[in-house]
Amino acid sequence: AGGGEAPREFTFDSVYDQRATQSGIYEETAYFITESVLGGYNGTIFAYGQTGTGKTHTMVGVPNDGEVAGIIPRAFQHVFKSIESSPQQQFLVRAAYLEIYNEEIRDLLSKNPKEKLELKDHPE
């Protein structure tokens, strides 16, 4: 690395192979984030990898098939089941589904998902 910059280090929580199940991945990675969201915290689940490595399958899966439903439908089911069991409590649910590809950001839930979002940097 030129310019005298120190090499950057990255950490990650888990890596899964072809033997991993959708339910196992959800229980190990997203369940506790979803529980924290139900407690009032913001939560982010980030899938990163090369094209064709299974990010969409992991995040979406087959939504109406309980065995292979991905993180998103499982998290929605988790959230709304919790809301149903707490009729005395009021909830506000907001969700975003963003794609970052070739340094361009898109909101896949917007009315125009092909529209690029502006990236703003807030150095602190």
Foldseek 3Di string as FASTA:
>chain_A
DPPPDDDDDDDDDDDDDPVDWQVNCCVVPPPVQLVVVVVPDDGDDDDDDDPPPCPCQQAANPLVDVRRGHNPSVSVVVVVVVCVVCVVDDDDDDDWDWDQDPNWIFTCPDPDRVDTDDDDDDDD
